[in-house]
Amino acid sequence: MYRSVLALLLLGCSPTPSTLDEGSDDDGIGEGTTGESPGSEAGDDDDDDDDDDDDDNGSTEPAVLPPLGGTSGGSGGSDFPNGVADELDGVPVSLIVPNGASQESGVALLVVFSGVEGADLMLNNFLGMAGYVGLGDTIIAVLDGRYASADDGALVLDALRGGYDVDNDRTWLLSESAGTSEGLELGLGLRQSYFAAYWANDVNDADQPILDAAELGFAPWGNAGPGGDFQDADSIVSGMHAADYRLPADAPYSGPGANVHGSVEQFIEAASFFADKRR
C-alpha cells in the first residue's frame, strides 16, 4: 500500500479507497472485434509492399508495423474513467478509459506490467496521478506482473486496438519490478515495433532489443529506472543505445530514488516519461 498512499500525498491528494468497478461478463471492448496478428496491418500483397517500400532512388525502407501516422481503426469499446477490473481475451487486466476516449480517433495507450503490488493497486495509482503526469487522455491497461506473460500483454494490446481507435504512434509500455522480464520480452521483442517508448522501472532483469532503429523503420524512446539494480539498468540502456533508441540525457535514470527499490520519486519520473513521446 505504501506506493499508492505516498504517490497521492506527493501529488497533494488525499488517498481514497479503490474505485475499481467489479468485473463483469461484458468486457466493454466491443462485439465483433478480434485481436490482431503481428502482421495484420502490414497487408498480404507483396506487390503493394514493394511499391510502398521502394523510393525514387530504388532503395528499400522497412515496412513499419503498425504504419506510422495511422490509427488502429478499432471501435465498440466503452469508457471507464473510474477504472474497471475485467478480462480481455481471457487475460485479467485493470483499465482506465477516460471519458470520450471510446469515441476519439487516435487515443494514446499505455500498457503496464505491475510489480508485486498487483494490477488493481497500480491502476489506483494512475487514477490519482494520470493527469499530473500528462496521461489524463490516455487509455491505461495494467496487467499483474506477478502472473501475466508477454503473450498476455500482446493479447491485451490487440484487444484494445480492436476496441478503440488507438494512435499507432502514441502507444507506450511501462514495466515494474516483478513485471520486468515480461515487459522486456514484449517491448524489446514480441511487439517491439508497436511501442513509441518503453521505460523499464525497478528492474530485476535485463535484455536487449531484437531490432535496431533502422530495422524497425523508426527510433523508439527508452530508459530504465534502476531501483538499486544498476547493473541491469545499465545493460538495458546499453542495449537500447546500441539499437539507436532515443534516450534522455539521464539514462539510466539517476535522480531521486534511483538507488531505492519501490521509490515513489522514481516511479513518478517513469510515469512522466511518456506523454510527449511519439514514434
C-alpha atoms as a PDB file:
ATOM      1  CA  MET A   1       0.000   0.000   0.000  1.00  0.00           C
ATOM      2  CA  TYR A   2       2.948   2.384   0.562  1.00  0.00           C
ATOM      3  CA  ARG A   3       3.227   3.369  -3.064  1.00  0.00           C
ATOM      4  CA  SER A   4      -0.452   4.156  -3.533  1.00  0.00           C
ATOM      5  CA  VAL A   5      -0.619   6.347  -0.404  1.00  0.00           C
ATOM      6  CA  LEU A   6       2.701   8.123  -0.807  1.00  0.00           C
ATOM      7  CA  ALA A   7       2.263   8.807  -4.514  1.00  0.00           C
ATOM      8  CA  LEU A   8      -1.019  10.583  -3.842  1.00  0.00           C
ATOM      9  CA  LEU A   9       0.422  12.514  -0.903  1.00  0.00           C
ATOM     10  CA  LEU A  10       3.286  13.705  -3.092  1.00  0.00           C
ATOM     11  CA  LEU A  11       0.730  14.994  -5.553  1.00  0.00           C
ATOM     12  CA  GLY A  12      -1.134  16.876  -2.827  1.00  0.00           C
ATOM     13  CA  CYS A  13      -4.094  14.490  -2.958  1.00  0.00           C
ATOM     14  CA  SER A  14      -5.799  12.505  -0.249  1.00  0.00           C
ATOM     15  CA  PRO A  15      -5.716   8.730  -0.644  1.00  0.00           C
ATOM     16  CA  THR A  16      -9.109   7.269  -1.467  1.00  0.00           C
ATOM     17  CA  PRO A  17     -10.436   3.733  -1.498  1.00  0.00           C
ATOM     18  CA  SER A  18     -10.138   1.894  -4.790  1.00  0.00           C
ATOM     19  CA  THR A  19     -12.744   2.982  -7.305  1.00  0.00           C
ATOM     20  CA  LEU A  20     -12.382  -0.089  -9.473  1.00  0.00           C
ATOM     21  CA  ASP A  21     -15.685  -1.481 -10.633  1.00  0.00           C
ATOM     22  CA  GLU A  22     -16.414  -5.147 -10.237  1.00  0.00           C
ATOM     23  CA  GLY A  23     -15.604  -7.214 -13.323  1.00  0.00           C
ATOM     24  CA  SER A  24     -18.485  -8.303 -15.471  1.00  0.00           C
ATOM     25  CA  ASP A  25     -19.183 -10.744 -18.228  1.00  0.00           C
ATOM     26  CA  ASP A  26     -19.263  -7.816 -20.702  1.00  0.00           C
ATOM     27  CA  ASP A  27     -15.743  -6.500 -21.091  1.00  0.00           C
ATOM     28  CA  GLY A  28     -16.984  -3.365 -22.852  1.00  0.00           C
ATOM     29  CA  ILE A  29     -14.430  -3.691 -25.644  1.00  0.00           C
ATOM     30  CA  GLY A  30     -16.984  -4.279 -28.352  1.00  0.00           C
ATOM     31  CA  GLU A  31     -18.573  -7.195 -30.070  1.00  0.00           C
ATOM     32  CA  GLY A  32     -17.180  -8.424 -33.341  1.00  0.00           C
ATOM     33  CA  THR A  33     -13.617  -7.132 -32.851  1.00  0.00           C
ATOM     34  CA  THR A  34     -10.757  -9.555 -32.858  1.00  0.00           C
ATOM     35  CA  GLY A  35      -7.131  -9.402 -31.801  1.00  0.00           C
ATOM     36  CA  GLU A  36      -4.603  -8.534 -34.460  1.00  0.00           C
ATOM     37  CA  SER A  37      -1.900 -10.851 -35.589  1.00  0.00           C
ATOM     38  CA  PRO A  38       1.546  -9.238 -35.721  1.00  0.00           C
ATOM     39  CA  GLY A  39       1.257  -8.893 -39.486  1.00  0.00           C
ATOM     40  CA  SER A  40      -2.383  -7.905 -39.778  1.00  0.00           C
ATOM     41  CA  GLU A  41      -1.821  -4.232 -40.608  1.00  0.00           C
ATOM     42  CA  ALA A  42       1.081  -4.693 -42.963  1.00  0.00           C
ATOM     43  CA  GLY A  43      -1.070  -6.292 -45.658  1.00  0.00           C
ATOM     44  CA  ASP A  44      -0.566  -9.519 -47.534  1.00  0.00           C
ATOM     45  CA  ASP A  45       0.073  -8.140 -51.030  1.00  0.00           C
ATOM     46  CA  ASP A  46       3.777  -8.473 -51.772  1.00  0.00           C
ATOM     47  CA  ASP A  47       3.451  -6.248 -54.846  1.00  0.00           C
ATOM     48  CA  ASP A  48       1.911  -3.455 -52.778  1.00  0.00           C
ATOM     49  CA  ASP A  49       4.678  -3.789 -50.185  1.00  0.00           C
ATOM     50  CA  ASP A  50       7.300  -3.477 -52.893  1.00  0.00           C
ATOM     51  CA  ASP A  51       5.628  -0.359 -54.294  1.00  0.00           C
ATOM     52  CA  ASP A  52       5.404   1.255 -50.877  1.00  0.00           C
ATOM     53  CA  ASP A  53       8.920   0.404 -49.781  1.00  0.00           C
ATOM     54  CA  ASP A  54      10.885   1.438 -52.860  1.00  0.00           C
ATOM     55  CA  ASP A  55      11.631   5.154 -53.052  1.00  0.00           C
ATOM     56  CA  ASP A  56      12.619   7.116 -56.133  1.00  0.00           C
ATOM     57  CA  ASN A  57      16.259   6.108 -55.702  1.00  0.00           C
ATOM     58  CA  GLY A  58      15.465   2.405 -55.684  1.00  0.00           C
ATOM     59  CA  SER A  59      16.348   1.935 -52.008  1.00  0.00           C
ATOM     60  CA  THR A  60      14.175  -0.154 -49.723  1.00  0.00           C
ATOM     61  CA  GLU A  61      12.738   1.144 -46.462  1.00  0.00           C
ATOM     62  CA  PRO A  62      11.370  -1.261 -43.826  1.00  0.00           C
ATOM     63  CA  ALA A  63       7.589  -1.546 -43.653  1.00  0.00           C
ATOM     64  CA  VAL A  64       6.685  -0.191 -40.214  1.00  0.00           C
ATOM     65  CA  LEU A  65       4.144  -2.233 -38.274  1.00  0.00           C
ATOM     66  CA  PRO A  66       1.712  -0.741 -37.425  1.00  0.00           C
ATOM     67  CA  PRO A  67       2.011   2.006 -40.055  1.00  0.00           C
ATOM     68  CA  LEU A  68       3.419   5.360 -38.987  1.00  0.00           C
ATOM     69  CA  GLY A  69       0.891   8.172 -38.800  1.00  0.00           C
ATOM     70  CA  GLY A  70      -2.127   5.871 -38.592  1.00  0.00           C
ATOM     71  CA  THR A  71      -4.560   4.530 -36.045  1.00  0.00           C
ATOM     72  CA  SER A  72      -5.821   1.045 -35.272  1.00  0.00           C
ATOM     73  CA  GLY A  73      -9.372   1.731 -36.516  1.00  0.00           C
ATOM     74  CA  GLY A  74     -10.933  -0.131 -33.592  1.00  0.00           C
ATOM     75  CA  SER A  75     -14.407   0.603 -32.258  1.00  0.00           C
ATOM     76  CA  GLY A  76     -17.095  -0.612 -29.882  1.00  0.00           C
ATOM     77  CA  GLY A  77     -15.285  -0.048 -26.578  1.00  0.00           C
ATOM     78  CA  SER A  78     -16.700   1.736 -23.543  1.00  0.00           C
ATOM     79  CA  ASP A  79     -15.385   4.492 -21.285  1.00  0.00           C
ATOM     80  CA  PHE A  80     -14.217   3.554 -17.781  1.00  0.00           C
ATOM     81  CA  PRO A  81     -12.995   6.829 -16.248  1.00  0.00           C
ATOM     82  CA  ASN A  82     -13.113   5.404 -12.709  1.00  0.00           C
ATOM     83  CA  GLY A  83     -11.365   2.171 -13.652  1.00  0.00           C
ATOM     84  CA  VAL A  84     -12.591  -1.357 -14.207  1.00  0.00           C
ATOM     85  CA  ALA A  85     -11.172  -4.796 -13.454  1.00  0.00           C
ATOM     86  CA  ASP A  86     -12.055  -7.244 -16.194  1.00  0.00           C
ATOM     87  CA  GLU A  87     -10.637  -9.699 -18.728  1.00  0.00           C
ATOM     88  CA  LEU A  88      -9.613  -9.169 -22.349  1.00  0.00           C
ATOM     89  CA  ASP A  89      -9.239 -12.325 -24.415  1.00  0.00           C
ATOM     90  CA  GLY A  90      -9.080 -14.263 -21.161  1.00  0.00           C
ATOM     91  CA  VAL A  91      -6.320 -12.069 -19.668  1.00  0.00           C
ATOM     92  CA  PRO A  92      -7.099 -10.268 -16.371  1.00  0.00           C
ATOM     93  CA  VAL A  93      -6.484  -6.544 -16.801  1.00  0.00           C
ATOM     94  CA  SER A  94      -7.333  -3.342 -14.952  1.00  0.00           C
ATOM     95  CA  LEU A  95      -8.320  -0.442 -17.217  1.00  0.00           C
ATOM     96  CA  ILE A  96      -8.764   3.287 -17.210  1.00  0.00           C
ATOM     97  CA  VAL A  97     -10.549   4.597 -20.302  1.00  0.00           C
ATOM     98  CA  PRO A  98     -11.087   8.381 -19.990  1.00  0.00           C
ATOM     99  CA  ASN A  99     -14.444   9.933 -20.750  1.00  0.00           C
ATOM    100  CA  GLY A 100     -14.868  10.228 -24.502  1.00  0.00           C
ATOM    101  CA  ALA A 101     -11.907   8.008 -25.366  1.00  0.00           C
ATOM    102  CA  SER A 102     -14.190   5.370 -26.880  1.00  0.00           C
ATOM    103  CA  GLN A 103     -15.298   7.933 -29.469  1.00  0.00           C
ATOM    104  CA  GLU A 104     -11.891   9.508 -30.043  1.00  0.00           C
ATOM    105  CA  SER A 105      -9.772   8.939 -33.120  1.00  0.00           C
ATOM    106  CA  GLY A 106      -6.131   8.339 -32.261  1.00  0.00           C
ATOM    107  CA  VAL A 107      -6.288   7.836 -28.495  1.00  0.00           C
ATOM    108  CA  ALA A 108      -2.988   7.210 -26.674  1.00  0.00           C
ATOM    109  CA  LEU A 109      -2.424   3.847 -24.923  1.00  0.00           C
ATOM    110  CA  LEU A 110      -0.125   2.901 -22.043  1.00  0.00           C
ATOM    111  CA  VAL A 111       0.354  -0.803 -21.272  1.00  0.00           C
ATOM    112  CA  VAL A 112       1.725  -1.512 -17.793  1.00  0.00           C
ATOM    113  CA  PHE A 113       3.125  -4.645 -16.151  1.00  0.00           C
ATOM    114  CA  SER A 114       2.720  -4.070 -12.405  1.00  0.00           C
ATOM    115  CA  GLY A 115       5.111  -5.052  -9.666  1.00  0.00           C
ATOM    116  CA  VAL A 116       4.225  -7.079  -6.587  1.00  0.00           C
ATOM    117  CA  GLU A 117       1.544  -4.527  -5.662  1.00  0.00           C
ATOM    118  CA  GLY A 118      -0.658  -6.073  -8.372  1.00  0.00           C
ATOM    119  CA  ALA A 119      -2.782  -4.612 -11.124  1.00  0.00           C
ATOM    120  CA  ASP A 120      -5.573  -3.035  -9.065  1.00  0.00           C
ATOM    121  CA  LEU A 121      -3.302  -1.053  -6.765  1.00  0.00           C
ATOM    122  CA  MET A 122      -1.131   0.052  -9.680  1.00  0.00           C
ATOM    123  CA  LEU A 123      -4.247   1.241 -11.510  1.00  0.00           C
ATOM    124  CA  ASN A 124      -5.339   3.115  -8.393  1.00  0.00           C
ATOM    125  CA  ASN A 125      -2.010   4.966  -8.515  1.00  0.00           C
ATOM    126  CA  PHE A 126      -2.770   6.112 -12.046  1.00  0.00           C
ATOM    127  CA  LEU A 127      -6.321   7.115 -11.134  1.00  0.00           C
ATOM    128  CA  GLY A 128      -4.747   9.574  -8.702  1.00  0.00           C
ATOM    129  CA  MET A 129      -1.920  10.846 -10.874  1.00  0.00           C
ATOM    130  CA  ALA A 130      -2.639  10.345 -14.605  1.00  0.00           C
ATOM    131  CA  GLY A 131      -3.471  13.996 -15.172  1.00  0.00           C
ATOM    132  CA  TYR A 132      -0.448  15.124 -13.185  1.00  0.00           C
ATOM    133  CA  VAL A 133       1.961  13.142 -15.392  1.00  0.00           C
ATOM    134  CA  GLY A 134       0.284  14.130 -18.675  1.00  0.00           C
ATOM    135  CA  LEU A 135      -1.717  10.928 -19.186  1.00  0.00           C
ATOM    136  CA  GLY A 136      -5.189  12.231 -18.461  1.00  0.00           C
ATOM    137  CA  ASP A 137      -6.385  11.471 -22.005  1.00  0.00           C
ATOM    138  CA  THR A 138      -4.681   8.064 -22.206  1.00  0.00           C
ATOM    139  CA  ILE A 139      -6.122   4.551 -22.014  1.00  0.00           C
ATOM    140  CA  ILE A 140      -4.126   2.778 -19.301  1.00  0.00           C
ATOM    141  CA  ALA A 141      -4.144  -1.027 -19.172  1.00  0.00           C
ATOM    142  CA  VAL A 142      -2.426  -2.743 -16.241  1.00  0.00           C
ATOM    143  CA  LEU A 143      -1.520  -6.434 -16.162  1.00  0.00           C
ATOM    144  CA  ASP A 144      -0.373  -8.131 -12.956  1.00  0.00           C
ATOM    145  CA  GLY A 145       3.364  -8.525 -13.443  1.00  0.00           C
ATOM    146  CA  ARG A 146       3.489 -11.412 -10.989  1.00  0.00           C
ATOM    147  CA  TYR A 147       1.403 -13.654 -13.220  1.00  0.00           C
ATOM    148  CA  ALA A 148       0.959 -12.154 -16.711  1.00  0.00           C
ATOM    149  CA  SER A 149       3.201 -13.196 -19.604  1.00  0.00           C
ATOM    150  CA  ALA A 150       4.483 -11.241 -22.598  1.00  0.00           C
ATOM    151  CA  ASP A 151       1.958 -13.159 -24.715  1.00  0.00           C
ATOM    152  CA  ASP A 152      -0.784 -11.916 -22.371  1.00  0.00           C
ATOM    153  CA  GLY A 153       0.436  -8.394 -22.965  1.00  0.00           C
ATOM    154  CA  ALA A 154       0.229  -8.905 -26.722  1.00  0.00           C
ATOM    155  CA  LEU A 155      -3.355 -10.195 -26.407  1.00  0.00           C
ATOM    156  CA  VAL A 156      -4.369  -7.148 -24.356  1.00  0.00           C
ATOM    157  CA  LEU A 157      -2.665  -4.816 -26.824  1.00  0.00           C
ATOM    158  CA  ASP A 158      -4.548  -6.410 -29.732  1.00  0.00           C
ATOM    159  CA  ALA A 159      -7.883  -6.374 -27.911  1.00  0.00           C
ATOM    160  CA  LEU A 160      -7.579  -2.692 -27.053  1.00  0.00           C
ATOM    161  CA  ARG A 161      -6.513  -1.802 -30.588  1.00  0.00           C
ATOM    162  CA  GLY A 162      -9.610  -3.662 -31.793  1.00  0.00           C
ATOM    163  CA  GLY A 163     -11.971  -1.974 -29.339  1.00  0.00           C
ATOM    164  CA  TYR A 164     -10.618   1.584 -29.526  1.00  0.00           C
ATOM    165  CA  ASP A 165      -9.098   3.727 -32.276  1.00  0.00           C
ATOM    166  CA  VAL A 166      -5.582   3.710 -30.822  1.00  0.00           C
ATOM    167  CA  ASP A 167      -2.865   6.051 -32.096  1.00  0.00           C
ATOM    168  CA  ASN A 168      -0.164   3.912 -33.723  1.00  0.00           C
ATOM    169  CA  ASP A 169       2.465   6.496 -32.766  1.00  0.00           C
ATOM    170  CA  ARG A 170       1.444   7.036 -29.121  1.00  0.00           C
ATOM    171  CA  THR A 171       1.461   3.538 -27.675  1.00  0.00           C
ATOM    172  CA  TRP A 172       3.779   3.116 -24.697  1.00  0.00           C
ATOM    173  CA  LEU A 173       4.982   0.429 -22.288  1.00  0.00           C
ATOM    174  CA  LEU A 174       5.942   0.583 -18.598  1.00  0.00           C
ATOM    175  CA  SER A 175       7.164  -2.438 -16.654  1.00  0.00           C
ATOM    176  CA  GLU A 176       7.633  -2.538 -12.891  1.00  0.00           C
ATOM    177  CA  SER A 177       9.780  -4.846 -10.770  1.00  0.00           C
ATOM    178  CA  ALA A 178       8.042  -8.244 -10.856  1.00  0.00           C
ATOM    179  CA  GLY A 179       6.905  -7.487 -14.413  1.00  0.00           C
ATOM    180  CA  THR A 180      10.392  -6.676 -15.702  1.00  0.00           C
ATOM    181  CA  SER A 181      11.090  -9.869 -17.655  1.00  0.00           C
ATOM    182  CA  GLU A 182       7.671  -9.889 -19.320  1.00  0.00           C
ATOM    183  CA  GLY A 183       7.913  -6.209 -20.206  1.00  0.00           C
ATOM    184  CA  LEU A 184      11.347  -6.679 -21.742  1.00  0.00           C
ATOM    185  CA  GLU A 185      10.112  -9.630 -23.788  1.00  0.00           C
ATOM    186  CA  LEU A 186       7.061  -7.734 -25.054  1.00  0.00           C
ATOM    187  CA  GLY A 187       8.658  -4.339 -25.570  1.00  0.00           C
ATOM    188  CA  LEU A 188      12.046  -5.318 -26.941  1.00  0.00           C
ATOM    189  CA  GLY A 189      10.985  -8.399 -28.865  1.00  0.00           C
ATOM    190  CA  LEU A 190       7.479  -9.726 -29.293  1.00  0.00           C
ATOM    191  CA  ARG A 191       5.810  -6.389 -30.137  1.00  0.00           C
ATOM    192  CA  GLN A 192       8.815  -4.069 -30.292  1.00  0.00           C
ATOM    193  CA  SER A 193       7.567  -2.057 -33.269  1.00  0.00           C
ATOM    194  CA  TYR A 194       4.266  -1.170 -31.565  1.00  0.00           C
ATOM    195  CA  PHE A 195       5.793   0.927 -28.791  1.00  0.00           C
ATOM    196  CA  ALA A 196       6.952   4.502 -29.247  1.00  0.00           C
ATOM    197  CA  ALA A 197       8.510   4.425 -25.780  1.00  0.00           C
ATOM    198  CA  TYR A 198       9.398   1.865 -23.118  1.00  0.00           C
ATOM    199  CA  TRP A 199      10.570   2.527 -19.556  1.00  0.00           C
ATOM    200  CA  ALA A 200      11.654  -0.493 -17.513  1.00  0.00           C
ATOM    201  CA  ASN A 201      11.332   0.560 -13.867  1.00  0.00           C
ATOM    202  CA  ASP A 202      12.666  -1.013 -10.661  1.00  0.00           C
ATOM    203  CA  VAL A 203      14.365  -3.576 -12.859  1.00  0.00           C
ATOM    204  CA  ASN A 204      15.410  -7.063 -11.783  1.00  0.00           C
ATOM    205  CA  ASP A 205      16.415  -8.457 -15.180  1.00  0.00           C
ATOM    206  CA  ALA A 206      17.954  -7.286 -18.456  1.00  0.00           C
ATOM    207  CA  ASP A 207      17.529  -7.917 -22.163  1.00  0.00           C
ATOM    208  CA  GLN A 208      18.409  -6.289 -25.478  1.00  0.00           C
ATOM    209  CA  PRO A 209      16.240  -5.035 -28.357  1.00  0.00           C
ATOM    210  CA  ILE A 210      15.792  -7.634 -31.109  1.00  0.00           C
ATOM    211  CA  LEU A 211      15.756  -4.998 -33.883  1.00  0.00           C
ATOM    212  CA  ASP A 212      17.584  -1.697 -34.168  1.00  0.00           C
ATOM    213  CA  ALA A 213      16.043   1.570 -35.332  1.00  0.00           C
ATOM    214  CA  ALA A 214      16.994   1.038 -38.971  1.00  0.00           C
ATOM    215  CA  GLU A 215      15.334  -2.376 -38.994  1.00  0.00           C
ATOM    216  CA  LEU A 216      12.230  -1.059 -37.229  1.00  0.00           C
ATOM    217  CA  GLY A 217      11.879   1.952 -39.508  1.00  0.00           C
ATOM    218  CA  PHE A 218      11.826   4.384 -36.564  1.00  0.00           C
ATOM    219  CA  ALA A 219      13.803   5.093 -33.388  1.00  0.00           C
ATOM    220  CA  PRO A 220      11.853   4.230 -30.213  1.00  0.00           C
ATOM    221  CA  TRP A 221      12.349   6.091 -26.947  1.00  0.00           C
ATOM    222  CA  GLY A 222      13.657   4.202 -23.939  1.00  0.00           C
ATOM    223  CA  ASN A 223      15.024   4.346 -20.411  1.00  0.00           C
ATOM    224  CA  ALA A 224      15.387   2.260 -17.259  1.00  0.00           C
ATOM    225  CA  GLY A 225      14.909   3.086 -13.594  1.00  0.00           C
ATOM    226  CA  PRO A 226      17.409   1.033 -11.545  1.00  0.00           C
ATOM    227  CA  GLY A 227      15.674   0.964  -8.176  1.00  0.00           C
ATOM    228  CA  GLY A 228      19.064  -0.133  -6.839  1.00  0.00           C
ATOM    229  CA  ASP A 229      19.817  -2.630  -9.621  1.00  0.00           C
ATOM    230  CA  PHE A 230      22.286  -0.504 -11.564  1.00  0.00           C
ATOM    231  CA  GLN A 231      23.845  -3.461 -13.375  1.00  0.00           C
ATOM    232  CA  ASP A 232      20.618  -4.497 -15.089  1.00  0.00           C
ATOM    233  CA  ALA A 233      19.585  -0.905 -15.770  1.00  0.00           C
ATOM    234  CA  ASP A 234      22.962  -0.200 -17.376  1.00  0.00           C
ATOM    235  CA  SER A 235      22.636  -3.340 -19.509  1.00  0.00           C
ATOM    236  CA  ILE A 236      19.135  -2.412 -20.727  1.00  0.00           C
ATOM    237  CA  VAL A 237      20.139   1.142 -21.607  1.00  0.00           C
ATOM    238  CA  SER A 238      23.364  -0.011 -23.283  1.00  0.00           C
ATOM    239  CA  GLY A 239      21.315  -2.337 -25.487  1.00  0.00           C
ATOM    240  CA  MET A 240      18.889   0.457 -26.341  1.00  0.00           C
ATOM    241  CA  HIS A 241      21.794   2.763 -27.178  1.00  0.00           C
ATOM    242  CA  ALA A 242      23.346   0.129 -29.448  1.00  0.00           C
ATOM    243  CA  ALA A 243      19.981  -0.222 -31.219  1.00  0.00           C
ATOM    244  CA  ASP A 244      19.827   3.566 -31.763  1.00  0.00           C
ATOM    245  CA  TYR A 245      16.939   4.177 -29.385  1.00  0.00           C
ATOM    246  CA  ARG A 246      16.316   7.773 -28.389  1.00  0.00           C
ATOM    247  CA  LEU A 247      17.457   8.137 -24.785  1.00  0.00           C
ATOM    248  CA  PRO A 248      17.166  11.082 -22.389  1.00  0.00           C
ATOM    249  CA  ALA A 249      20.380  12.608 -21.067  1.00  0.00           C
ATOM    250  CA  ASP A 250      19.814  10.846 -17.745  1.00  0.00           C
ATOM    251  CA  ALA A 251      19.833   7.218 -18.911  1.00  0.00           C
ATOM    252  CA  PRO A 252      19.657   5.061 -16.974  1.00  0.00           C
ATOM    253  CA  TYR A 253      17.758   7.275 -14.559  1.00  0.00           C
ATOM    254  CA  SER A 254      19.989   8.509 -11.736  1.00  0.00           C
ATOM    255  CA  GLY A 255      17.768  11.032  -9.970  1.00  0.00           C
ATOM    256  CA  PRO A 256      15.975  10.816  -6.614  1.00  0.00           C
ATOM    257  CA  GLY A 257      15.062   7.227  -5.719  1.00  0.00           C
ATOM    258  CA  ALA A 258      17.325   5.566  -8.293  1.00  0.00           C
ATOM    259  CA  ASN A 259      19.043   3.599  -5.542  1.00  0.00           C
ATOM    260  CA  VAL A 260      15.851   2.527  -3.770  1.00  0.00           C
ATOM    261  CA  HIS A 261      13.579  -0.266  -4.979  1.00  0.00           C
ATOM    262  CA  GLY A 262       9.973   0.926  -4.848  1.00  0.00           C
ATOM    263  CA  SER A 263      10.870   4.620  -4.786  1.00  0.00           C
ATOM    264  CA  VAL A 264       7.877   6.900  -5.335  1.00  0.00           C
ATOM    265  CA  GLU A 265      10.097   9.595  -6.863  1.00  0.00           C
ATOM    266  CA  GLN A 266      11.478   7.223  -9.481  1.00  0.00           C
ATOM    267  CA  PHE A 267       8.008   5.848 -10.231  1.00  0.00           C
ATOM    268  CA  ILE A 268       6.622   9.346 -10.870  1.00  0.00           C
ATOM    269  CA  GLU A 269       9.601  10.080 -13.124  1.00  0.00           C
ATOM    270  CA  ALA A 270       8.853   6.897 -15.082  1.00  0.00           C
ATOM    271  CA  ALA A 271       5.155   7.703 -15.424  1.00  0.00           C
ATOM    272  CA  SER A 272       6.014  11.237 -16.565  1.00  0.00           C
ATOM    273  CA  PHE A 273       8.256   9.947 -19.355  1.00  0.00           C
ATOM    274  CA  PHE A 274       5.616   9.096 -21.941  1.00  0.00           C
ATOM    275  CA  ALA A 275       3.242  11.959 -22.696  1.00  0.00           C
ATOM    276  CA  ASP A 276       5.351  13.703 -25.379  1.00  0.00           C
ATOM    277  CA  LYS A 277       6.881  10.564 -26.918  1.00  0.00           C
ATOM    278  CA  ARG A 278       5.935   9.542 -30.448  1.00  0.00           C
ATOM    279  CA  ARG A 279       7.319   7.040 -32.933  1.00  0.00           C
END
